[in-house]
Amino acid sequence: RQAPGKEREGVAYIGGPAHSADYEDSVKGRFTISRDKAKN
């Protein structure tokens, strides 16, 4: 994400083979990343 006047920053990530999810501290506990493989 990027807000006006601020640097671009990561928010959430989901790994490939393991499907693990990781979050930046600023959104941890509030945001959830997921992937639907059938729908890509």
PDB file of all heavy atoms in Angstrom:
ATOM      1  N   ARG A   1       0.836  -1.189   0.000  1.00  0.00           N
ATOM      2  CA  ARG A   1       0.000   0.000   0.000  1.00  0.00           C
ATOM      3  C   ARG A   1       0.872   1.241   0.000  1.00  0.00           C
ATOM      4  O   ARG A   1       2.027   1.206   0.411  1.00  0.00           O
ATOM      5  CB  ARG A   1      -0.959   0.026   1.192  1.00  0.00           C
ATOM      6  CG  ARG A   1      -0.283   0.211   2.544  1.00  0.00           C
ATOM      7  CD  ARG A   1      -1.294   0.074   3.664  1.00  0.00           C
ATOM      8  NE  ARG A   1      -0.696   0.291   4.976  1.00  0.00           N
ATOM      9  CZ  ARG A   1      -1.325   0.114   6.128  1.00  0.00           C
ATOM     10  NH1 ARG A   1      -2.599  -0.289   6.134  1.00  0.00           N
ATOM     11  NH2 ARG A   1      -0.695   0.333   7.277  1.00  0.00           N
ATOM     12  N   GLN A   2       0.289   2.335  -0.455  1.00  0.00           N
ATOM     13  CA  GLN A   2       0.991   3.606  -0.446  1.00  0.00           C
ATOM     14  C   GLN A   2       0.006   4.728  -0.184  1.00  0.00           C
ATOM     15  O   GLN A   2      -0.984   4.877  -0.892  1.00  0.00           O
ATOM     16  CB  GLN A   2       1.726   3.849  -1.762  1.00  0.00           C
ATOM     17  CG  GLN A   2       2.603   5.092  -1.731  1.00  0.00           C
ATOM     18  CD  GLN A   2       3.560   5.150  -2.906  1.00  0.00           C
ATOM     19  OE1 GLN A   2       3.297   4.590  -3.962  1.00  0.00           O
ATOM     20  NE2 GLN A   2       4.678   5.823  -2.719  1.00  0.00           N
ATOM     21  N   ALA A   3       0.294   5.509   0.840  1.00  0.00           N
ATOM     22  CA  ALA A   3      -0.502   6.671   1.174  1.00  0.00           C
ATOM     23  C   ALA A   3       0.182   7.918   0.637  1.00  0.00           C
ATOM     24  O   ALA A   3       1.405   7.935   0.454  1.00  0.00           O
ATOM     25  CB  ALA A   3      -0.677   6.779   2.685  1.00  0.00           C
ATOM     26  N   PRO A   4      -0.574   8.979   0.374  1.00  0.00           N
ATOM     27  CA  PRO A   4       0.030  10.214  -0.130  1.00  0.00           C
ATOM     28  C   PRO A   4       1.136  10.724   0.777  1.00  0.00           C
ATOM     29  O   PRO A   4       0.961  10.809   1.995  1.00  0.00           O
ATOM     30  CB  PRO A   4      -1.152  11.188  -0.166  1.00  0.00           C
ATOM     31  CG  PRO A   4      -2.349  10.315  -0.320  1.00  0.00           C
ATOM     32  CD  PRO A   4      -2.036   9.089   0.487  1.00  0.00           C
ATOM     33  N   GLY A   5       2.268  11.034   0.181  1.00  0.00           N
ATOM     34  CA  GLY A   5       3.384  11.559   0.936  1.00  0.00           C
ATOM     35  C   GLY A   5       4.175  10.529   1.713  1.00  0.00           C
ATOM     36  O   GLY A   5       5.106  10.897   2.435  1.00  0.00           O
ATOM     37  N   LYS A   6       3.813   9.268   1.588  1.00  0.00           N
ATOM     38  CA  LYS A   6       4.504   8.219   2.317  1.00  0.00           C
ATOM     39  C   LYS A   6       5.114   7.198   1.370  1.00  0.00           C
ATOM     40  O   LYS A   6       4.732   7.097   0.207  1.00  0.00           O
ATOM     41  CB  LYS A   6       3.555   7.523   3.288  1.00  0.00           C
ATOM     42  CG  LYS A   6       3.046   8.406   4.410  1.00  0.00           C
ATOM     43  CD  LYS A   6       2.258   7.607   5.421  1.00  0.00           C
ATOM     44  CE  LYS A   6       1.825   8.467   6.587  1.00  0.00           C
ATOM     45  NZ  LYS A   6       1.074   7.682   7.596  1.00  0.00           N
ATOM     46  N   GLU A   7       6.050   6.460   1.886  1.00  0.00           N
ATOM     47  CA  GLU A   7       6.689   5.406   1.117  1.00  0.00           C
ATOM     48  C   GLU A   7       5.754   4.216   0.948  1.00  0.00           C
ATOM     49  O   GLU A   7       4.887   3.951   1.782  1.00  0.00           O
ATOM     50  CB  GLU A   7       7.967   4.955   1.817  1.00  0.00           C
ATOM     51  CG  GLU A   7       9.005   6.041   2.025  1.00  0.00           C
ATOM     52  CD  GLU A   7      10.115   5.967   1.015  1.00  0.00           C
ATOM     53  OE1 GLU A   7      10.514   4.850   0.645  1.00  0.00           O
ATOM     54  OE2 GLU A   7      10.588   7.024   0.579  1.00  0.00           O
ATOM     55  N   ARG A   8       5.942   3.511  -0.139  1.00  0.00           N
ATOM     56  CA  ARG A   8       5.220   2.269  -0.350  1.00  0.00           C
ATOM     57  C   ARG A   8       5.656   1.245   0.692  1.00  0.00           C
ATOM     58  O   ARG A   8       6.848   1.112   0.990  1.00  0.00           O
ATOM     59  CB  ARG A   8       5.497   1.756  -1.761  1.00  0.00           C
ATOM     60  CG  ARG A   8       4.772   0.498  -2.145  1.00  0.00           C
ATOM     61  CD  ARG A   8       4.939   0.225  -3.622  1.00  0.00           C
ATOM     62  NE  ARG A   8       6.340   0.257  -4.015  1.00  0.00           N
ATOM     63  CZ  ARG A   8       6.760   0.282  -5.272  1.00  0.00           C
ATOM     64  NH1 ARG A   8       5.887   0.310  -6.267  1.00  0.00           N
ATOM     65  NH2 ARG A   8       8.055   0.299  -5.538  1.00  0.00           N
ATOM     66  N   GLU A   9       4.714   0.533   1.246  1.00  0.00           N
ATOM     67  CA  GLU A   9       5.033  -0.423   2.283  1.00  0.00           C
ATOM     68  C   GLU A   9       4.263  -1.723   2.088  1.00  0.00           C
ATOM     69  O   GLU A   9       3.158  -1.745   1.560  1.00  0.00           O
ATOM     70  CB  GLU A   9       4.719   0.142   3.669  1.00  0.00           C
ATOM     71  CG  GLU A   9       3.247   0.444   3.891  1.00  0.00           C
ATOM     72  CD  GLU A   9       2.956   0.973   5.285  1.00  0.00           C
ATOM     73  OE1 GLU A   9       3.889   1.092   6.099  1.00  0.00           O
ATOM     74  OE2 GLU A   9       1.773   1.273   5.571  1.00  0.00           O
ATOM     75  N   GLY A  10       4.870  -2.791   2.535  1.00  0.00           N
ATOM     76  CA  GLY A  10       4.200  -4.070   2.497  1.00  0.00           C
ATOM     77  C   GLY A  10       3.101  -4.140   3.533  1.00  0.00           C
ATOM     78  O   GLY A  10       3.142  -3.458   4.564  1.00  0.00           O
ATOM     79  N   VAL A  11       2.115  -4.960   3.273  1.00  0.00           N
ATOM     80  CA  VAL A  11       0.983  -5.136   4.170  1.00  0.00           C
ATOM     81  C   VAL A  11       0.858  -6.592   4.611  1.00  0.00           C
ATOM     82  O   VAL A  11       0.898  -6.899   5.805  1.00  0.00           O
ATOM     83  CB  VAL A  11      -0.331  -4.681   3.511  1.00  0.00           C
ATOM     84  CG1 VAL A  11      -1.513  -4.920   4.449  1.00  0.00           C
ATOM     85  CG2 VAL A  11      -0.251  -3.216   3.108  1.00  0.00           C
ATOM     86  N   ALA A  12       0.705  -7.471   3.640  1.00  0.00           N
ATOM     87  CA  ALA A  12       0.491  -8.879   3.934  1.00  0.00           C
ATOM     88  C   ALA A  12       1.060  -9.726   2.817  1.00  0.00           C
ATOM     89  O   ALA A  12       1.117  -9.303   1.662  1.00  0.00           O
ATOM     90  CB  ALA A  12      -1.002  -9.174   4.118  1.00  0.00           C
ATOM     91  N   TYR A  13       1.435 -10.938   3.165  1.00  0.00           N
ATOM     92  CA  TYR A  13       2.080 -11.821   2.215  1.00  0.00           C
ATOM     93  C   TYR A  13       1.577 -13.244   2.421  1.00  0.00           C
ATOM     94  O   TYR A  13       1.298 -13.653   3.555  1.00  0.00           O
ATOM     95  CB  TYR A  13       3.603 -11.819   2.402  1.00  0.00           C
ATOM     96  CG  TYR A  13       4.190 -10.462   2.699  1.00  0.00           C
ATOM     97  CD1 TYR A  13       4.261  -9.997   4.007  1.00  0.00           C
ATOM     98  CD2 TYR A  13       4.672  -9.657   1.674  1.00  0.00           C
ATOM     99  CE1 TYR A  13       4.798  -8.756   4.291  1.00  0.00           C
ATOM    100  CE2 TYR A  13       5.213  -8.413   1.945  1.00  0.00           C
ATOM    101  CZ  TYR A  13       5.276  -7.965   3.253  1.00  0.00           C
ATOM    102  OH  TYR A  13       5.814  -6.731   3.525  1.00  0.00           O
ATOM    103  N   ILE A  14       1.475 -13.979   1.336  1.00  0.00           N
ATOM    104  CA  ILE A  14       1.125 -15.387   1.439  1.00  0.00           C
ATOM    105  C   ILE A  14       2.094 -16.169   0.572  1.00  0.00           C
ATOM    106  O   ILE A  14       2.296 -15.866  -0.595  1.00  0.00           O
ATOM    107  CB  ILE A  14      -0.346 -15.653   1.058  1.00  0.00           C
ATOM    108  CG1 ILE A  14      -0.715 -17.108   1.321  1.00  0.00           C
ATOM    109  CG2 ILE A  14      -0.630 -15.259  -0.388  1.00  0.00           C
ATOM    110  CD1 ILE A  14      -2.223 -17.346   1.343  1.00  0.00           C
ATOM    111  N   GLY A  15       2.719 -17.169   1.170  1.00  0.00           N
ATOM    112  CA  GLY A  15       3.734 -17.944   0.499  1.00  0.00           C
ATOM    113  C   GLY A  15       3.178 -18.873  -0.555  1.00  0.00           C
ATOM    114  O   GLY A  15       1.967 -19.101  -0.647  1.00  0.00           O
ATOM    115  N   GLY A  16       4.070 -19.409  -1.349  1.00  0.00           N
ATOM    116  CA  GLY A  16       3.675 -20.322  -2.411  1.00  0.00           C
ATOM    117  C   GLY A  16       3.384 -21.718  -1.926  1.00  0.00           C
ATOM    118  O   GLY A  16       2.249 -22.032  -1.571  1.00  0.00           O
ATOM    119  N   PRO A  17       4.395 -22.573  -1.903  1.00  0.00           N
ATOM    120  CA  PRO A  17       4.150 -23.983  -1.576  1.00  0.00           C
ATOM    121  C   PRO A  17       3.514 -24.219  -0.214  1.00  0.00           C
ATOM    122  O   PRO A  17       2.644 -25.090  -0.083  1.00  0.00           O
ATOM    123  CB  PRO A  17       5.556 -24.591  -1.631  1.00  0.00           C
ATOM    124  CG  PRO A  17       6.310 -23.707  -2.559  1.00  0.00           C
ATOM    125  CD  PRO A  17       5.791 -22.326  -2.282  1.00  0.00           C
ATOM    126  N   ALA A  18       3.921 -23.457   0.792  1.00  0.00           N
ATOM    127  CA  ALA A  18       3.449 -23.695   2.149  1.00  0.00           C
ATOM    128  C   ALA A  18       2.141 -22.989   2.469  1.00  0.00           C
ATOM    129  O   ALA A  18       1.508 -23.301   3.477  1.00  0.00           O
ATOM    130  CB  ALA A  18       4.523 -23.274   3.145  1.00  0.00           C
ATOM    131  N   HIS A  19       1.762 -22.012   1.669  1.00  0.00           N
ATOM    132  CA  HIS A  19       0.531 -21.235   1.863  1.00  0.00           C
ATOM    133  C   HIS A  19       0.508 -20.473   3.180  1.00  0.00           C
ATOM    134  O   HIS A  19      -0.560 -20.135   3.683  1.00  0.00           O
ATOM    135  CB  HIS A  19      -0.699 -22.139   1.777  1.00  0.00           C
ATOM    136  CG  HIS A  19      -0.831 -22.864   0.485  1.00  0.00           C
ATOM    137  ND1 HIS A  19      -1.731 -23.895   0.314  1.00  0.00           N
ATOM    138  CD2 HIS A  19      -0.193 -22.723  -0.697  1.00  0.00           C
ATOM    139  CE1 HIS A  19      -1.634 -24.352  -0.921  1.00  0.00           C
ATOM    140  NE2 HIS A  19      -0.701 -23.660  -1.556  1.00  0.00           N
ATOM    141  N   SER A  20       1.663 -20.216   3.746  1.00  0.00           N
ATOM    142  CA  SER A  20       1.722 -19.498   4.996  1.00  0.00           C
ATOM    143  C   SER A  20       1.489 -18.010   4.773  1.00  0.00           C
ATOM    144  O   SER A  20       1.850 -17.462   3.733  1.00  0.00           O
ATOM    145  CB  SER A  20       3.064 -19.718   5.680  1.00  0.00           C
ATOM    146  OG  SER A  20       4.130 -19.287   4.848  1.00  0.00           O
ATOM    147  N   ALA A  21       0.891 -17.379   5.759  1.00  0.00           N
ATOM    148  CA  ALA A  21       0.594 -15.958   5.691  1.00  0.00           C
ATOM    149  C   ALA A  21       1.448 -15.190   6.685  1.00  0.00           C
ATOM    150  O   ALA A  21       1.680 -15.654   7.805  1.00  0.00           O
ATOM    151  CB  ALA A  21      -0.884 -15.707   5.967  1.00  0.00           C
ATOM    152  N   ASP A  22       1.893 -14.027   6.277  1.00  0.00           N
ATOM    153  CA  ASP A  22       2.683 -13.160   7.141  1.00  0.00           C
ATOM    154  C   ASP A  22       2.176 -11.745   7.002  1.00  0.00           C
ATOM    155  O   ASP A  22       1.696 -11.342   5.943  1.00  0.00           O
ATOM    156  CB  ASP A  22       4.165 -13.235   6.778  1.00  0.00           C
ATOM    157  CG  ASP A  22       4.757 -14.609   7.000  1.00  0.00           C
ATOM    158  OD1 ASP A  22       5.045 -14.940   8.162  1.00  0.00           O
ATOM    159  OD2 ASP A  22       4.913 -15.356   6.013  1.00  0.00           O
ATOM    160  N   TYR A  23       2.305 -10.973   8.073  1.00  0.00           N
ATOM    161  CA  TYR A  23       1.754  -9.637   8.108  1.00  0.00           C
ATOM    162  C   TYR A  23       2.738  -8.663   8.732  1.00  0.00           C
ATOM    163  O   TYR A  23       3.520  -9.027   9.614  1.00  0.00           O
ATOM    164  CB  TYR A  23       0.461  -9.603   8.923  1.00  0.00           C
ATOM    165  CG  TYR A  23      -0.568 -10.585   8.442  1.00  0.00           C
ATOM    166  CD1 TYR A  23      -0.612 -11.880   8.946  1.00  0.00           C
ATOM    167  CD2 TYR A  23      -1.489 -10.220   7.473  1.00  0.00           C
ATOM    168  CE1 TYR A  23      -1.553 -12.794   8.492  1.00  0.00           C
ATOM    169  CE2 TYR A  23      -2.437 -11.124   7.011  1.00  0.00           C
ATOM    170  CZ  TYR A  23      -2.454 -12.412   7.529  1.00  0.00           C
ATOM    171  OH  TYR A  23      -3.388 -13.312   7.072  1.00  0.00           O
ATOM    172  N   GLU A  24       2.670  -7.436   8.274  1.00  0.00           N
ATOM    173  CA  GLU A  24       3.407  -6.385   8.943  1.00  0.00           C
ATOM    174  C   GLU A  24       2.729  -6.073  10.270  1.00  0.00           C
ATOM    175  O   GLU A  24       1.518  -6.265  10.433  1.00  0.00           O
ATOM    176  CB  GLU A  24       3.486  -5.147   8.074  1.00  0.00           C
ATOM    177  CG  GLU A  24       4.225  -5.361   6.759  1.00  0.00           C
ATOM    178  CD  GLU A  24       5.676  -5.783   6.949  1.00  0.00           C
ATOM    179  OE1 GLU A  24       6.299  -5.372   7.951  1.00  0.00           O
ATOM    180  OE2 GLU A  24       6.198  -6.524   6.084  1.00  0.00           O
ATOM    181  N   ASP A  25       3.513  -5.590  11.213  1.00  0.00           N
ATOM    182  CA  ASP A  25       2.996  -5.340  12.554  1.00  0.00           C
ATOM    183  C   ASP A  25       1.816  -4.373  12.560  1.00  0.00           C
ATOM    184  O   ASP A  25       0.917  -4.482  13.402  1.00  0.00           O
ATOM    185  CB  ASP A  25       4.099  -4.806  13.456  1.00  0.00           C
ATOM    186  CG  ASP A  25       5.124  -5.859  13.818  1.00  0.00           C
ATOM    187  OD1 ASP A  25       4.840  -7.063  13.651  1.00  0.00           O
ATOM    188  OD2 ASP A  25       6.210  -5.486  14.284  1.00  0.00           O
ATOM    189  N   SER A  26       1.806  -3.433  11.636  1.00  0.00           N
ATOM    190  CA  SER A  26       0.771  -2.422  11.611  1.00  0.00           C
ATOM    191  C   SER A  26      -0.625  -2.981  11.343  1.00  0.00           C
ATOM    192  O   SER A  26      -1.623  -2.344  11.688  1.00  0.00           O
ATOM    193  CB  SER A  26       1.098  -1.352  10.566  1.00  0.00           C
ATOM    194  OG  SER A  26       1.211  -1.926   9.279  1.00  0.00           O
ATOM    195  N   VAL A  27      -0.698  -4.161  10.736  1.00  0.00           N
ATOM    196  CA  VAL A  27      -1.996  -4.740  10.396  1.00  0.00           C
ATOM    197  C   VAL A  27      -2.223  -6.102  11.033  1.00  0.00           C
ATOM    198  O   VAL A  27      -3.315  -6.672  10.896  1.00  0.00           O
ATOM    199  CB  VAL A  27      -2.183  -4.850   8.870  1.00  0.00           C
ATOM    200  CG1 VAL A  27      -1.957  -3.501   8.199  1.00  0.00           C
ATOM    201  CG2 VAL A  27      -1.242  -5.903   8.277  1.00  0.00           C
ATOM    202  N   LYS A  28      -1.254  -6.608  11.721  1.00  0.00           N
ATOM    203  CA  LYS A  28      -1.357  -7.934  12.317  1.00  0.00           C
ATOM    204  C   LYS A  28      -2.531  -8.002  13.292  1.00  0.00           C
ATOM    205  O   LYS A  28      -2.706  -7.132  14.140  1.00  0.00           O
ATOM    206  CB  LYS A  28      -0.048  -8.284  13.021  1.00  0.00           C
ATOM    207  CG  LYS A  28       0.092  -9.745  13.406  1.00  0.00           C
ATOM    208  CD  LYS A  28       1.496 -10.039  13.924  1.00  0.00           C
ATOM    209  CE  LYS A  28       2.548  -9.795  12.854  1.00  0.00           C
ATOM    210  NZ  LYS A  28       3.922 -10.121  13.337  1.00  0.00           N
ATOM    211  N   GLY A  29      -3.329  -9.030  13.152  1.00  0.00           N
ATOM    212  CA  GLY A  29      -4.498  -9.197  13.991  1.00  0.00           C
ATOM    213  C   GLY A  29      -5.746  -8.555  13.439  1.00  0.00           C
ATOM    214  O   GLY A  29      -6.852  -8.814  13.939  1.00  0.00           O
ATOM    215  N   ARG A  30      -5.602  -7.712  12.425  1.00  0.00           N
ATOM    216  CA  ARG A  30      -6.744  -7.030  11.832  1.00  0.00           C
ATOM    217  C   ARG A  30      -6.993  -7.452  10.384  1.00  0.00           C
ATOM    218  O   ARG A  30      -8.133  -7.467   9.938  1.00  0.00           O
ATOM    219  CB  ARG A  30      -6.549  -5.517  11.879  1.00  0.00           C
ATOM    220  CG  ARG A  30      -6.405  -4.962  13.288  1.00  0.00           C
ATOM    221  CD  ARG A  30      -6.396  -3.434  13.282  1.00  0.00           C
ATOM    222  NE  ARG A  30      -5.248  -2.904  12.555  1.00  0.00           N
ATOM    223  CZ  ARG A  30      -5.334  -2.138  11.469  1.00  0.00           C
ATOM    224  NH1 ARG A  30      -6.528  -1.800  10.982  1.00  0.00           N
ATOM    225  NH2 ARG A  30      -4.229  -1.687  10.883  1.00  0.00           N
ATOM    226  N   PHE A  31      -5.928  -7.760   9.657  1.00  0.00           N
ATOM    227  CA  PHE A  31      -6.031  -8.112   8.244  1.00  0.00           C
ATOM    228  C   PHE A  31      -5.757  -9.599   8.047  1.00  0.00           C
ATOM    229  O   PHE A  31      -4.964 -10.200   8.782  1.00  0.00           O
ATOM    230  CB  PHE A  31      -5.014  -7.332   7.409  1.00  0.00           C
ATOM    231  CG  PHE A  31      -5.301  -5.865   7.261  1.00  0.00           C
ATOM    232  CD1 PHE A  31      -6.248  -5.222   8.043  1.00  0.00           C
ATOM    233  CD2 PHE A  31      -4.598  -5.125   6.325  1.00  0.00           C
ATOM    234  CE1 PHE A  31      -6.495  -3.870   7.904  1.00  0.00           C
ATOM    235  CE2 PHE A  31      -4.836  -3.775   6.171  1.00  0.00           C
ATOM    236  CZ  PHE A  31      -5.780  -3.141   6.958  1.00  0.00           C
ATOM    237  N   THR A  32      -6.385 -10.169   7.035  1.00  0.00           N
ATOM    238  CA  THR A  32      -6.168 -11.565   6.685  1.00  0.00           C
ATOM    239  C   THR A  32      -6.008 -11.690   5.177  1.00  0.00           C
ATOM    240  O   THR A  32      -6.873 -11.248   4.423  1.00  0.00           O
ATOM    241  CB  THR A  32      -7.332 -12.454   7.142  1.00  0.00           C
ATOM    242  OG1 THR A  32      -7.516 -12.333   8.551  1.00  0.00           O
ATOM    243  CG2 THR A  32      -7.039 -13.917   6.810  1.00  0.00           C
ATOM    244  N   ILE A  33      -4.914 -12.289   4.749  1.00  0.00           N
ATOM    245  CA  ILE A  33      -4.696 -12.545   3.335  1.00  0.00           C
ATOM    246  C   ILE A  33      -5.043 -14.001   3.042  1.00  0.00           C
ATOM    247  O   ILE A  33      -4.766 -14.889   3.840  1.00  0.00           O
ATOM    248  CB  ILE A  33      -3.247 -12.225   2.919  1.00  0.00           C
ATOM    249  CG1 ILE A  33      -3.073 -12.359   1.400  1.00  0.00           C
ATOM    250  CG2 ILE A  33      -2.247 -13.101   3.661  1.00  0.00           C
ATOM    251  CD1 ILE A  33      -1.717 -11.872   0.894  1.00  0.00           C
ATOM    252  N   SER A  34      -5.650 -14.232   1.897  1.00  0.00           N
ATOM    253  CA  SER A  34      -6.002 -15.586   1.505  1.00  0.00           C
ATOM    254  C   SER A  34      -5.925 -15.713  -0.009  1.00  0.00           C
ATOM    255  O   SER A  34      -5.843 -14.721  -0.732  1.00  0.00           O
ATOM    256  CB  SER A  34      -7.394 -15.974   2.006  1.00  0.00           C
ATOM    257  OG  SER A  34      -8.388 -15.131   1.457  1.00  0.00           O
ATOM    258  N   ARG A  35      -5.964 -16.940  -0.470  1.00  0.00           N
ATOM    259  CA  ARG A  35      -5.849 -17.219  -1.902  1.00  0.00           C
ATOM    260  C   ARG A  35      -6.818 -18.320  -2.285  1.00  0.00           C
ATOM    261  O   ARG A  35      -6.879 -19.366  -1.636  1.00  0.00           O
ATOM    262  CB  ARG A  35      -4.403 -17.616  -2.224  1.00  0.00           C
ATOM    263  CG  ARG A  35      -4.147 -18.108  -3.632  1.00  0.00           C
ATOM    264  CD  ARG A  35      -2.657 -18.364  -3.833  1.00  0.00           C
ATOM    265  NE  ARG A  35      -2.122 -19.201  -2.767  1.00  0.00           N
ATOM    266  CZ  ARG A  35      -0.869 -19.140  -2.335  1.00  0.00           C
ATOM    267  NH1 ARG A  35      -0.016 -18.274  -2.867  1.00  0.00           N
ATOM    268  NH2 ARG A  35      -0.475 -19.939  -1.354  1.00  0.00           N
ATOM    269  N   ASP A  36      -7.573 -18.088  -3.337  1.00  0.00           N
ATOM    270  CA  ASP A  36      -8.474 -19.078  -3.887  1.00  0.00           C
ATOM    271  C   ASP A  36      -7.841 -19.570  -5.179  1.00  0.00           C
ATOM    272  O   ASP A  36      -7.865 -18.880  -6.200  1.00  0.00           O
ATOM    273  CB  ASP A  36      -9.856 -18.480  -4.145  1.00  0.00           C
ATOM    274  CG  ASP A  36     -10.879 -19.510  -4.569  1.00  0.00           C
ATOM    275  OD1 ASP A  36     -10.507 -20.495  -5.238  1.00  0.00           O
ATOM    276  OD2 ASP A  36     -12.068 -19.332  -4.236  1.00  0.00           O
ATOM    277  N   LYS A  37      -7.270 -20.750  -5.139  1.00  0.00           N
ATOM    278  CA  LYS A  37      -6.556 -21.265  -6.294  1.00  0.00           C
ATOM    279  C   LYS A  37      -7.470 -21.525  -7.487  1.00  0.00           C
ATOM    280  O   LYS A  37      -7.076 -21.307  -8.629  1.00  0.00           O
ATOM    281  CB  LYS A  37      -5.805 -22.536  -5.913  1.00  0.00           C
ATOM    282  CG  LYS A  37      -4.702 -22.310  -4.892  1.00  0.00           C
ATOM    283  CD  LYS A  37      -3.990 -23.606  -4.561  1.00  0.00           C
ATOM    284  CE  LYS A  37      -2.882 -23.366  -3.563  1.00  0.00           C
ATOM    285  NZ  LYS A  37      -2.155 -24.616  -3.239  1.00  0.00           N
ATOM    286  N   ALA A  38      -8.673 -21.990  -7.225  1.00  0.00           N
ATOM    287  CA  ALA A  38      -9.609 -22.282  -8.300  1.00  0.00           C
ATOM    288  C   ALA A  38      -9.984 -21.025  -9.072  1.00  0.00           C
ATOM    289  O   ALA A  38     -10.201 -21.068 -10.285  1.00  0.00           O
ATOM    290  CB  ALA A  38     -10.853 -22.962  -7.758  1.00  0.00           C
ATOM    291  N   LYS A  39     -10.076 -19.901  -8.368  1.00  0.00           N
ATOM    292  CA  LYS A  39     -10.438 -18.640  -8.992  1.00  0.00           C
ATOM    293  C   LYS A  39      -9.228 -17.804  -9.380  1.00  0.00           C
ATOM    294  O   LYS A  39      -9.382 -16.746  -9.997  1.00  0.00           O
ATOM    295  CB  LYS A  39     -11.326 -17.827  -8.054  1.00  0.00           C
ATOM    296  CG  LYS A  39     -12.663 -18.477  -7.746  1.00  0.00           C
ATOM    297  CD  LYS A  39     -13.481 -17.612  -6.808  1.00  0.00           C
ATOM    298  CE  LYS A  39     -14.821 -18.244  -6.515  1.00  0.00           C
ATOM    299  NZ  LYS A  39     -15.633 -17.420  -5.573  1.00  0.00           N
ATOM    300  N   ASN A  40      -8.031 -18.278  -9.016  1.00  0.00           N
ATOM    301  CA  ASN A  40      -6.802 -17.527  -9.259  1.00  0.00           C
ATOM    302  C   ASN A  40      -6.934 -16.102  -8.718  1.00  0.00           C
ATOM    303  O   ASN A  40      -6.599 -15.117  -9.389  1.00  0.00           O
ATOM    304  CB  ASN A  40      -6.448 -17.503 -10.748  1.00  0.00           C
ATOM    305  CG  ASN A  40      -4.947 -17.588 -10.983  1.00  0.00           C
ATOM    306  OD1 ASN A  40      -4.276 -18.475 -10.442  1.00  0.00           O
ATOM    307  ND2 ASN A  40      -4.408 -16.681 -11.788  1.00  0.00           N
TER     308      ASN A  40
END
